Amino acid sequence: MAIQLSLRPLSGAIGAEITNPPDFTTLTADDATAFEHALAAHGVLVMHTDSLDPAQHRAFASIFGEFNTPGLIASLADDGYPEIGVISTDNGLAAYSHEWHADVT
């Protein structure tokens, strides 16, 4: 049985907040379908959650398809997560944030 997402529209045209974010470590194929339907219906989804660790981040992102590695930017490859890119002031890549976009995944 898929999770029941509670959605609050953010505007009249686009976007919804998921007010009951799931446990990202236990997502199923049915849960993926629920997210895909919500995304298709609203175009943009927003969730306010505690920080996701890399494993949770990868588990959630994987429901939308296969990964492409970030390429030329730093990643968490040394920690076992090559598909998670890092743009940060800590690694000196913040200046590239204006060039980054999410259609690589």
PDB file of N, CA and C in Angstrom:
ATOM      1  N   MET A   1       0.845  -1.181   0.000  1.00  0.00           N
ATOM      2  CA  MET A   1       0.000   0.000   0.000  1.00  0.00           C
ATOM      3  C   MET A   1       0.891   1.246   0.000  1.00  0.00           C
ATOM      4  N   ALA A   2       0.592   2.166  -0.886  1.00  0.00           N
ATOM      5  CA  ALA A   2       1.380   3.391  -1.021  1.00  0.00           C
ATOM      6  C   ALA A   2       1.114   4.342   0.132  1.00  0.00           C
ATOM      7  N   ILE A   3       2.097   5.176   0.383  1.00  0.00           N
ATOM      8  CA  ILE A   3       1.922   6.218   1.387  1.00  0.00           C
ATOM      9  C   ILE A   3       0.830   7.169   0.913  1.00  0.00           C
ATOM     10  N   GLN A   4       0.168   7.795   1.846  1.00  0.00           N
ATOM     11  CA  GLN A   4      -0.832   8.798   1.536  1.00  0.00           C
ATOM     12  C   GLN A   4      -0.207  10.164   1.770  1.00  0.00           C
ATOM     13  N   LEU A   5       0.133  10.852   0.692  1.00  0.00           N
ATOM     14  CA  LEU A   5       0.762  12.162   0.815  1.00  0.00           C
ATOM     15  C   LEU A   5      -0.304  13.209   1.110  1.00  0.00           C
ATOM     16  N   SER A   6      -0.037  14.027   2.086  1.00  0.00           N
ATOM     17  CA  SER A   6      -0.912  15.149   2.401  1.00  0.00           C
ATOM     18  C   SER A   6      -0.334  16.379   1.714  1.00  0.00           C
ATOM     19  N   LEU A   7      -1.091  16.934   0.758  1.00  0.00           N
ATOM     20  CA  LEU A   7      -0.594  18.030  -0.073  1.00  0.00           C
ATOM     21  C   LEU A   7      -1.357  19.315   0.205  1.00  0.00           C
ATOM     22  N   ARG A   8      -0.597  20.406   0.328  1.00  0.00           N
ATOM     23  CA  ARG A   8      -1.178  21.738   0.495  1.00  0.00           C
ATOM     24  C   ARG A   8      -0.725  22.580  -0.687  1.00  0.00           C
ATOM     25  N   PRO A   9      -1.672  22.993  -1.564  1.00  0.00           N
ATOM     26  CA  PRO A   9      -1.282  23.808  -2.722  1.00  0.00           C
ATOM     27  C   PRO A   9      -0.571  25.086  -2.278  1.00  0.00           C
ATOM     28  N   LEU A  10       0.459  25.467  -3.042  1.00  0.00           N
ATOM     29  CA  LEU A  10       1.231  26.671  -2.715  1.00  0.00           C
ATOM     30  C   LEU A  10       0.755  27.893  -3.476  1.00  0.00           C
ATOM     31  N   SER A  11       0.106  27.692  -4.615  1.00  0.00           N
ATOM     32  CA  SER A  11      -0.429  28.803  -5.396  1.00  0.00           C
ATOM     33  C   SER A  11      -1.535  28.258  -6.276  1.00  0.00           C
ATOM     34  N   GLY A  12      -2.163  29.145  -7.015  1.00  0.00           N
ATOM     35  CA  GLY A  12      -3.234  28.703  -7.894  1.00  0.00           C
ATOM     36  C   GLY A  12      -2.745  27.955  -9.121  1.00  0.00           C
ATOM     37  N   ALA A  13      -1.462  28.136  -9.477  1.00  0.00           N
ATOM     38  CA  ALA A  13      -0.975  27.578 -10.733  1.00  0.00           C
ATOM     39  C   ALA A  13      -0.004  26.421 -10.574  1.00  0.00           C
ATOM     40  N   ILE A  14       0.860  26.460  -9.576  1.00  0.00           N
ATOM     41  CA  ILE A  14       1.927  25.462  -9.507  1.00  0.00           C
ATOM     42  C   ILE A  14       2.373  25.281  -8.065  1.00  0.00           C
ATOM     43  N   GLY A  15       2.798  24.066  -7.751  1.00  0.00           N
ATOM     44  CA  GLY A  15       3.446  23.793  -6.481  1.00  0.00           C
ATOM     45  C   GLY A  15       2.527  23.292  -5.385  1.00  0.00           C
ATOM     46  N   ALA A  16       3.071  22.377  -4.579  1.00  0.00           N
ATOM     47  CA  ALA A  16       2.370  21.877  -3.394  1.00  0.00           C
ATOM     48  C   ALA A  16       3.402  21.505  -2.343  1.00  0.00           C
ATOM     49  N   GLU A  17       3.023  21.704  -1.100  1.00  0.00           N
ATOM     50  CA  GLU A  17       3.854  21.281   0.023  1.00  0.00           C
ATOM     51  C   GLU A  17       3.379  19.923   0.494  1.00  0.00           C
ATOM     52  N   ILE A  18       4.306  19.006   0.672  1.00  0.00           N
ATOM     53  CA  ILE A  18       3.982  17.720   1.284  1.00  0.00           C
ATOM     54  C   ILE A  18       4.102  17.934   2.786  1.00  0.00           C
ATOM     55  N   THR A  19       2.974  17.897   3.466  1.00  0.00           N
ATOM     56  CA  THR A  19       2.974  18.237   4.893  1.00  0.00           C
ATOM     57  C   THR A  19       3.279  17.049   5.793  1.00  0.00           C
ATOM     58  N   ASN A  20       3.365  15.864   5.212  1.00  0.00           N
ATOM     59  CA  ASN A  20       3.690  14.668   5.989  1.00  0.00           C
ATOM     60  C   ASN A  20       4.821  13.879   5.319  1.00  0.00           C
ATOM     61  N   PRO A  21       6.043  14.443   5.279  1.00  0.00           N
ATOM     62  CA  PRO A  21       7.139  13.732   4.610  1.00  0.00           C
ATOM     63  C   PRO A  21       7.321  12.327   5.173  1.00  0.00           C
ATOM     64  N   PRO A  22       7.618  11.374   4.302  1.00  0.00           N
ATOM     65  CA  PRO A  22       7.728   9.971   4.719  1.00  0.00           C
ATOM     66  C   PRO A  22       9.085   9.654   5.339  1.00  0.00           C
ATOM     67  N   ASP A  23       9.201   8.439   5.792  1.00  0.00           N
ATOM     68  CA  ASP A  23      10.500   7.884   6.179  1.00  0.00           C
ATOM     69  C   ASP A  23      11.190   7.511   4.875  1.00  0.00           C
ATOM     70  N   PHE A  24      12.222   8.246   4.535  1.00  0.00           N
ATOM     71  CA  PHE A  24      12.851   8.085   3.228  1.00  0.00           C
ATOM     72  C   PHE A  24      13.633   6.782   3.091  1.00  0.00           C
ATOM     73  N   THR A  25      13.822   6.039   4.159  1.00  0.00           N
ATOM     74  CA  THR A  25      14.579   4.790   4.075  1.00  0.00           C
ATOM     75  C   THR A  25      13.698   3.593   3.739  1.00  0.00           C
ATOM     76  N   THR A  26      12.382   3.772   3.739  1.00  0.00           N
ATOM     77  CA  THR A  26      11.485   2.633   3.521  1.00  0.00           C
ATOM     78  C   THR A  26      10.555   2.832   2.328  1.00  0.00           C
ATOM     79  N   LEU A  27      10.959   3.620   1.351  1.00  0.00           N
ATOM     80  CA  LEU A  27      10.087   3.897   0.209  1.00  0.00           C
ATOM     81  C   LEU A  27       9.946   2.662  -0.682  1.00  0.00           C
ATOM     82  N   THR A  28       8.743   2.466  -1.183  1.00  0.00           N
ATOM     83  CA  THR A  28       8.440   1.330  -2.058  1.00  0.00           C
ATOM     84  C   THR A  28       8.121   1.832  -3.464  1.00  0.00           C
ATOM     85  N   ALA A  29       7.935   0.905  -4.375  1.00  0.00           N
ATOM     86  CA  ALA A  29       7.539   1.263  -5.745  1.00  0.00           C
ATOM     87  C   ALA A  29       6.188   1.970  -5.731  1.00  0.00           C
ATOM     88  N   ASP A  30       5.275   1.551  -4.864  1.00  0.00           N
ATOM     89  CA  ASP A  30       3.983   2.226  -4.756  1.00  0.00           C
ATOM     90  C   ASP A  30       4.150   3.651  -4.244  1.00  0.00           C
ATOM     91  N   ASP A  31       5.092   3.854  -3.322  1.00  0.00           N
ATOM     92  CA  ASP A  31       5.369   5.203  -2.827  1.00  0.00           C
ATOM     93  C   ASP A  31       5.895   6.080  -3.959  1.00  0.00           C
ATOM     94  N   ALA A  32       6.751   5.508  -4.791  1.00  0.00           N
ATOM     95  CA  ALA A  32       7.285   6.247  -5.930  1.00  0.00           C
ATOM     96  C   ALA A  32       6.157   6.728  -6.824  1.00  0.00           C
ATOM     97  N   THR A  33       5.178   5.870  -7.056  1.00  0.00           N
ATOM     98  CA  THR A  33       4.025   6.241  -7.876  1.00  0.00           C
ATOM     99  C   THR A  33       3.263   7.397  -7.238  1.00  0.00           C
ATOM    100  N   ALA A  34       3.107   7.378  -5.928  1.00  0.00           N
ATOM    101  CA  ALA A  34       2.407   8.472  -5.237  1.00  0.00           C
ATOM    102  C   ALA A  34       3.153   9.792  -5.439  1.00  0.00           C
ATOM    103  N   PHE A  35       4.480   9.780  -5.321  1.00  0.00           N
ATOM    104  CA  PHE A  35       5.272  10.987  -5.554  1.00  0.00           C
ATOM    105  C   PHE A  35       5.186  11.433  -7.007  1.00  0.00           C
ATOM    106  N   GLU A  36       5.260  10.485  -7.933  1.00  0.00           N
ATOM    107  CA  GLU A  36       5.187  10.826  -9.353  1.00  0.00           C
ATOM    108  C   GLU A  36       3.852  11.476  -9.693  1.00  0.00           C
ATOM    109  N   HIS A  37       2.765  10.962  -9.133  1.00  0.00           N
ATOM    110  CA  HIS A  37       1.445  11.547  -9.381  1.00  0.00           C
ATOM    111  C   HIS A  37       1.356  12.946  -8.785  1.00  0.00           C
ATOM    112  N   ALA A  38       1.883  13.119  -7.577  1.00  0.00           N
ATOM    113  CA  ALA A  38       1.864  14.441  -6.941  1.00  0.00           C
ATOM    114  C   ALA A  38       2.682  15.437  -7.752  1.00  0.00           C
ATOM    115  N   LEU A  39       3.843  15.008  -8.234  1.00  0.00           N
ATOM    116  CA  LEU A  39       4.690  15.883  -9.028  1.00  0.00           C
ATOM    117  C   LEU A  39       4.019  16.242 -10.353  1.00  0.00           C
ATOM    118  N   ALA A  40       3.392  15.260 -10.984  1.00  0.00           N
ATOM    119  CA  ALA A  40       2.694  15.509 -12.252  1.00  0.00           C
ATOM    120  C   ALA A  40       1.523  16.474 -12.052  1.00  0.00           C
ATOM    121  N   ALA A  41       0.837  16.353 -10.938  1.00  0.00           N
ATOM    122  CA  ALA A  41      -0.324  17.198 -10.674  1.00  0.00           C
ATOM    123  C   ALA A  41       0.059  18.630 -10.306  1.00  0.00           C
ATOM    124  N   HIS A  42       1.197  18.806  -9.645  1.00  0.00           N
ATOM    125  CA  HIS A  42       1.537  20.126  -9.098  1.00  0.00           C
ATOM    126  C   HIS A  42       2.785  20.761  -9.699  1.00  0.00           C
ATOM    127  N   GLY A  43       3.597  19.990 -10.418  1.00  0.00           N
ATOM    128  CA  GLY A  43       4.773  20.547 -11.071  1.00  0.00           C
ATOM    129  C   GLY A  43       5.979  20.750 -10.174  1.00  0.00           C
ATOM    130  N   VAL A  44       5.763  21.122  -8.936  1.00  0.00           N
ATOM    131  CA  VAL A  44       6.825  21.355  -7.958  1.00  0.00           C
ATOM    132  C   VAL A  44       6.339  20.823  -6.621  1.00  0.00           C
ATOM    133  N   LEU A  45       7.208  20.099  -5.922  1.00  0.00           N
ATOM    134  CA  LEU A  45       6.883  19.612  -4.580  1.00  0.00           C
ATOM    135  C   LEU A  45       7.892  20.173  -3.589  1.00  0.00           C
ATOM    136  N   VAL A  46       7.409  20.601  -2.438  1.00  0.00           N
ATOM    137  CA  VAL A  46       8.247  21.133  -1.375  1.00  0.00           C
ATOM    138  C   VAL A  46       8.011  20.299  -0.131  1.00  0.00           C
ATOM    139  N   MET A  47       9.104  19.925   0.538  1.00  0.00           N
ATOM    140  CA  MET A  47       9.001  19.196   1.804  1.00  0.00           C
ATOM    141  C   MET A  47       9.923  19.861   2.814  1.00  0.00           C
ATOM    142  N   HIS A  48       9.400  20.124   3.978  1.00  0.00           N
ATOM    143  CA  HIS A  48      10.225  20.635   5.069  1.00  0.00           C
ATOM    144  C   HIS A  48      10.550  19.439   5.953  1.00  0.00           C
ATOM    145  N   THR A  49      11.807  19.047   5.940  1.00  0.00           N
ATOM    146  CA  THR A  49      12.227  17.871   6.695  1.00  0.00           C
ATOM    147  C   THR A  49      13.491  18.198   7.469  1.00  0.00           C
ATOM    148  N   ASP A  50      13.813  17.325   8.389  1.00  0.00           N
ATOM    149  CA  ASP A  50      15.137  17.399   8.985  1.00  0.00           C
ATOM    150  C   ASP A  50      16.127  17.058   7.892  1.00  0.00           C
ATOM    151  N   SER A  51      17.351  17.291   8.127  1.00  0.00           N
ATOM    152  CA  SER A  51      18.391  17.000   7.153  1.00  0.00           C
ATOM    153  C   SER A  51      18.356  15.528   6.741  1.00  0.00           C
ATOM    154  N   LEU A  52      18.462  15.284   5.446  1.00  0.00           N
ATOM    155  CA  LEU A  52      18.546  13.913   4.958  1.00  0.00           C
ATOM    156  C   LEU A  52      20.006  13.500   4.921  1.00  0.00           C
ATOM    157  N   ASP A  53      20.296  12.302   5.389  1.00  0.00           N
ATOM    158  CA  ASP A  53      21.666  11.817   5.239  1.00  0.00           C
ATOM    159  C   ASP A  53      21.822  11.323   3.793  1.00  0.00           C
ATOM    160  N   PRO A  54      23.037  11.084   3.336  1.00  0.00           N
ATOM    161  CA  PRO A  54      23.235  10.686   1.931  1.00  0.00           C
ATOM    162  C   PRO A  54      22.439   9.442   1.525  1.00  0.00           C
ATOM    163  N   ALA A  55      22.327   8.473   2.400  1.00  0.00           N
ATOM    164  CA  ALA A  55      21.567   7.261   2.050  1.00  0.00           C
ATOM    165  C   ALA A  55      20.085   7.582   1.846  1.00  0.00           C
ATOM    166  N   GLN A  56      19.515   8.417   2.690  1.00  0.00           N
ATOM    167  CA  GLN A  56      18.115   8.818   2.537  1.00  0.00           C
ATOM    168  C   GLN A  56      17.926   9.650   1.270  1.00  0.00           C
ATOM    169  N   HIS A  57      18.869  10.544   1.018  1.00  0.00           N
ATOM    170  CA  HIS A  57      18.810  11.388  -0.179  1.00  0.00           C
ATOM    171  C   HIS A  57      18.817  10.512  -1.438  1.00  0.00           C
ATOM    172  N   ARG A  58      19.736   9.534  -1.475  1.00  0.00           N
ATOM    173  CA  ARG A  58      19.821   8.635  -2.625  1.00  0.00           C
ATOM    174  C   ARG A  58      18.553   7.796  -2.750  1.00  0.00           C
ATOM    175  N   ALA A  59      18.039   7.282  -1.643  1.00  0.00           N
ATOM    176  CA  ALA A  59      16.825   6.461  -1.684  1.00  0.00           C
ATOM    177  C   ALA A  59      15.654   7.253  -2.251  1.00  0.00           C
ATOM    178  N   PHE A  60      15.497   8.493  -1.807  1.00  0.00           N
ATOM    179  CA  PHE A  60      14.394   9.310  -2.315  1.00  0.00           C
ATOM    180  C   PHE A  60      14.598   9.659  -3.790  1.00  0.00           C
ATOM    181  N   ALA A  61      15.781  10.116  -4.143  1.00  0.00           N
ATOM    182  CA  ALA A  61      16.032  10.512  -5.536  1.00  0.00           C
ATOM    183  C   ALA A  61      15.883   9.332  -6.491  1.00  0.00           C
ATOM    184  N   SER A  62      16.184   8.128  -6.036  1.00  0.00           N
ATOM    185  CA  SER A  62      16.150   6.962  -6.919  1.00  0.00           C
ATOM    186  C   SER A  62      14.739   6.612  -7.378  1.00  0.00           C
ATOM    187  N   ILE A  63      13.711   7.081  -6.677  1.00  0.00           N
ATOM    188  CA  ILE A  63      12.349   6.764  -7.122  1.00  0.00           C
ATOM    189  C   ILE A  63      11.997   7.478  -8.421  1.00  0.00           C
ATOM    190  N   PHE A  64      12.793   8.487  -8.805  1.00  0.00           N
ATOM    191  CA  PHE A  64      12.527   9.218 -10.031  1.00  0.00           C
ATOM    192  C   PHE A  64      13.333   8.709 -11.222  1.00  0.00           C
ATOM    193  N   GLY A  65      14.162   7.688 -11.012  1.00  0.00           N
ATOM    194  CA  GLY A  65      14.900   7.105 -12.123  1.00  0.00           C
ATOM    195  C   GLY A  65      16.362   6.886 -11.803  1.00  0.00           C
ATOM    196  N   GLU A  66      17.108   6.508 -12.840  1.00  0.00           N
ATOM    197  CA  GLU A  66      18.528   6.233 -12.681  1.00  0.00           C
ATOM    198  C   GLU A  66      19.312   7.533 -12.524  1.00  0.00           C
ATOM    199  N   PHE A  67      20.478   7.432 -11.908  1.00  0.00           N
ATOM    200  CA  PHE A  67      21.327   8.592 -11.666  1.00  0.00           C
ATOM    201  C   PHE A  67      22.318   8.807 -12.794  1.00  0.00           C
ATOM    202  N   ASN A  68      22.659  10.051 -12.982  1.00  0.00           N
ATOM    203  CA  ASN A  68      23.838  10.444 -13.750  1.00  0.00           C
ATOM    204  C   ASN A  68      24.792  11.041 -12.736  1.00  0.00           C
ATOM    205  N   THR A  69      26.049  10.682 -12.816  1.00  0.00           N
ATOM    206  CA  THR A  69      27.000  11.239 -11.852  1.00  0.00           C
ATOM    207  C   THR A  69      27.234  12.708 -12.167  1.00  0.00           C
ATOM    208  N   PRO A  70      27.570  13.507 -11.150  1.00  0.00           N
ATOM    209  CA  PRO A  70      27.669  14.950 -11.331  1.00  0.00           C
ATOM    210  C   PRO A  70      28.764  15.423 -12.271  1.00  0.00           C
ATOM    211  N   GLY A  71      29.725  14.599 -12.601  1.00  0.00           N
ATOM    212  CA  GLY A  71      30.740  15.009 -13.559  1.00  0.00           C
ATOM    213  C   GLY A  71      31.861  15.820 -12.943  1.00  0.00           C
ATOM    214  N   LEU A  72      31.964  17.077 -13.333  1.00  0.00           N
ATOM    215  CA  LEU A  72      33.116  17.888 -12.973  1.00  0.00           C
ATOM    216  C   LEU A  72      33.064  18.503 -11.585  1.00  0.00           C
ATOM    217  N   ILE A  73      31.935  18.425 -10.902  1.00  0.00           N
ATOM    218  CA  ILE A  73      31.879  19.003  -9.568  1.00  0.00           C
ATOM    219  C   ILE A  73      32.217  17.942  -8.520  1.00  0.00           C
ATOM    220  N   ALA A  74      32.530  18.401  -7.331  1.00  0.00           N
ATOM    221  CA  ALA A  74      32.851  17.480  -6.241  1.00  0.00           C
ATOM    222  C   ALA A  74      31.630  16.620  -5.927  1.00  0.00           C
ATOM    223  N   SER A  75      31.875  15.421  -5.434  1.00  0.00           N
ATOM    224  CA  SER A  75      30.782  14.531  -5.058  1.00  0.00           C
ATOM    225  C   SER A  75      31.124  13.845  -3.743  1.00  0.00           C
ATOM    226  N   LEU A  76      30.208  13.038  -3.301  1.00  0.00           N
ATOM    227  CA  LEU A  76      30.430  12.238  -2.098  1.00  0.00           C
ATOM    228  C   LEU A  76      30.924  10.844  -2.456  1.00  0.00           C
ATOM    229  N   ALA A  77      31.652  10.727  -3.563  1.00  0.00           N
ATOM    230  CA  ALA A  77      32.142   9.430  -4.029  1.00  0.00           C
ATOM    231  C   ALA A  77      33.000   8.737  -2.982  1.00  0.00           C
ATOM    232  N   ASP A  78      33.837   9.483  -2.284  1.00  0.00           N
ATOM    233  CA  ASP A  78      34.700   8.869  -1.267  1.00  0.00           C
ATOM    234  C   ASP A  78      33.901   8.265  -0.116  1.00  0.00           C
ATOM    235  N   ASP A  79      32.666   8.724   0.044  1.00  0.00           N
ATOM    236  CA  ASP A  79      31.784   8.200   1.093  1.00  0.00           C
ATOM    237  C   ASP A  79      30.826   7.145   0.554  1.00  0.00           C
ATOM    238  N   GLY A  80      30.977   6.785  -0.732  1.00  0.00           N
ATOM    239  CA  GLY A  80      30.132   5.760  -1.321  1.00  0.00           C
ATOM    240  C   GLY A  80      28.910   6.293  -2.050  1.00  0.00           C
ATOM    241  N   TYR A  81      28.855   7.612  -2.293  1.00  0.00           N
ATOM    242  CA  TYR A  81      27.692   8.219  -2.947  1.00  0.00           C
ATOM    243  C   TYR A  81      28.151   9.085  -4.130  1.00  0.00           C
ATOM    244  N   PRO A  82      28.666   8.474  -5.195  1.00  0.00           N
ATOM    245  CA  PRO A  82      29.191   9.263  -6.311  1.00  0.00           C
ATOM    246  C   PRO A  82      28.117  10.066  -7.041  1.00  0.00           C
ATOM    247  N   GLU A  83      26.870   9.692  -6.865  1.00  0.00           N
ATOM    248  CA  GLU A  83      25.783  10.377  -7.559  1.00  0.00           C
ATOM    249  C   GLU A  83      25.331  11.660  -6.861  1.00  0.00           C
ATOM    250  N   ILE A  84      25.883  11.956  -5.687  1.00  0.00           N
ATOM    251  CA  ILE A  84      25.497  13.169  -4.962  1.00  0.00           C
ATOM    252  C   ILE A  84      26.591  14.215  -5.133  1.00  0.00           C
ATOM    253  N   GLY A  85      26.273  15.272  -5.874  1.00  0.00           N
ATOM    254  CA  GLY A  85      27.208  16.370  -6.084  1.00  0.00           C
ATOM    255  C   GLY A  85      27.166  17.338  -4.911  1.00  0.00           C
ATOM    256  N   VAL A  86      28.287  18.021  -4.708  1.00  0.00           N
ATOM    257  CA  VAL A  86      28.392  18.959  -3.590  1.00  0.00           C
ATOM    258  C   VAL A  86      28.854  20.317  -4.115  1.00  0.00           C
ATOM    259  N   ILE A  87      27.979  21.303  -3.981  1.00  0.00           N
ATOM    260  CA  ILE A  87      28.330  22.690  -4.282  1.00  0.00           C
ATOM    261  C   ILE A  87      28.238  23.420  -2.961  1.00  0.00           C
ATOM    262  N   SER A  88      29.365  23.876  -2.462  1.00  0.00           N
ATOM    263  CA  SER A  88      29.421  24.382  -1.100  1.00  0.00           C
ATOM    264  C   SER A  88      30.504  25.440  -0.943  1.00  0.00           C
ATOM    265  N   THR A  89      30.318  26.295   0.055  1.00  0.00           N
ATOM    266  CA  THR A  89      31.406  27.214   0.391  1.00  0.00           C
ATOM    267  C   THR A  89      32.545  26.457   1.047  1.00  0.00           C
ATOM    268  N   ASP A  90      32.260  25.293   1.624  1.00  0.00           N
ATOM    269  CA  ASP A  90      33.300  24.494   2.283  1.00  0.00           C
ATOM    270  C   ASP A  90      34.323  23.937   1.300  1.00  0.00           C
ATOM    271  N   ASN A  91      33.887  23.623   0.075  1.00  0.00           N
ATOM    272  CA  ASN A  91      34.831  23.064  -0.893  1.00  0.00           C
ATOM    273  C   ASN A  91      35.199  24.064  -1.996  1.00  0.00           C
ATOM    274  N   GLY A  92      34.795  25.311  -1.811  1.00  0.00           N
ATOM    275  CA  GLY A  92      35.159  26.359  -2.754  1.00  0.00           C
ATOM    276  C   GLY A  92      34.366  26.367  -4.047  1.00  0.00           C
ATOM    277  N   LEU A  93      33.301  25.591  -4.138  1.00  0.00           N
ATOM    278  CA  LEU A  93      32.521  25.517  -5.373  1.00  0.00           C
ATOM    279  C   LEU A  93      31.255  26.367  -5.360  1.00  0.00           C
ATOM    280  N   ALA A  94      31.048  27.155  -4.324  1.00  0.00           N
ATOM    281  CA  ALA A  94      29.839  27.966  -4.248  1.00  0.00           C
ATOM    282  C   ALA A  94      29.730  28.925  -5.424  1.00  0.00           C
ATOM    283  N   ALA A  95      30.862  29.374  -5.947  1.00  0.00           N
ATOM    284  CA  ALA A  95      30.842  30.299  -7.088  1.00  0.00           C
ATOM    285  C   ALA A  95      30.181  29.661  -8.311  1.00  0.00           C
ATOM    286  N   TYR A  96      30.145  28.326  -8.379  1.00  0.00           N
ATOM    287  CA  TYR A  96      29.549  27.638  -9.519  1.00  0.00           C
ATOM    288  C   TYR A  96      28.050  27.402  -9.361  1.00  0.00           C
ATOM    289  N   SER A  97      27.489  27.798  -8.226  1.00  0.00           N
ATOM    290  CA  SER A  97      26.078  27.509  -7.977  1.00  0.00           C
ATOM    291  C   SER A  97      25.170  28.176  -9.008  1.00  0.00           C
ATOM    292  N   HIS A  98      25.587  29.287  -9.590  1.00  0.00           N
ATOM    293  CA  HIS A  98      24.757  29.937 -10.612  1.00  0.00           C
ATOM    294  C   HIS A  98      24.770  29.168 -11.927  1.00  0.00           C
ATOM    295  N   GLU A  99      25.706  28.244 -12.102  1.00  0.00           N
ATOM    296  CA  GLU A  99      25.778  27.439 -13.316  1.00  0.00           C
ATOM    297  C   GLU A  99      25.122  26.076 -13.171  1.00  0.00           C
ATOM    298  N   TRP A 100      24.850  25.676 -11.955  1.00  0.00           N
ATOM    299  CA  TRP A 100      24.329  24.349 -11.689  1.00  0.00           C
ATOM    300  C   TRP A 100      22.848  24.290 -12.019  1.00  0.00           C
ATOM    301  N   HIS A 101      22.408  23.169 -12.530  1.00  0.00           N
ATOM    302  CA  HIS A 101      20.994  22.919 -12.714  1.00  0.00           C
ATOM    303  C   HIS A 101      20.724  21.430 -12.535  1.00  0.00           C
ATOM    304  N   ALA A 102      19.476  21.089 -12.288  1.00  0.00           N
ATOM    305  CA  ALA A 102      19.150  19.749 -11.828  1.00  0.00           C
ATOM    306  C   ALA A 102      18.768  18.768 -12.922  1.00  0.00           C
ATOM    307  N   ASP A 103      18.872  19.113 -14.169  1.00  0.00           N
ATOM    308  CA  ASP A 103      18.416  18.169 -15.190  1.00  0.00           C
ATOM    309  C   ASP A 103      19.471  17.128 -15.556  1.00  0.00           C
ATOM    310  N   VAL A 104      20.472  16.942 -14.701  1.00  0.00           N
ATOM    311  CA  VAL A 104      21.461  15.896 -14.930  1.00  0.00           C
ATOM    312  C   VAL A 104      21.041  14.575 -14.305  1.00  0.00           C
ATOM    313  N   THR A 105      19.965  14.550 -13.534  1.00  0.00           N
ATOM    314  CA  THR A 105      19.563  13.304 -12.879  1.00  0.00           C
ATOM    315  C   THR A 105      18.336  12.722 -13.538  1.00  0.00           C
TER     316      THR A 105
END
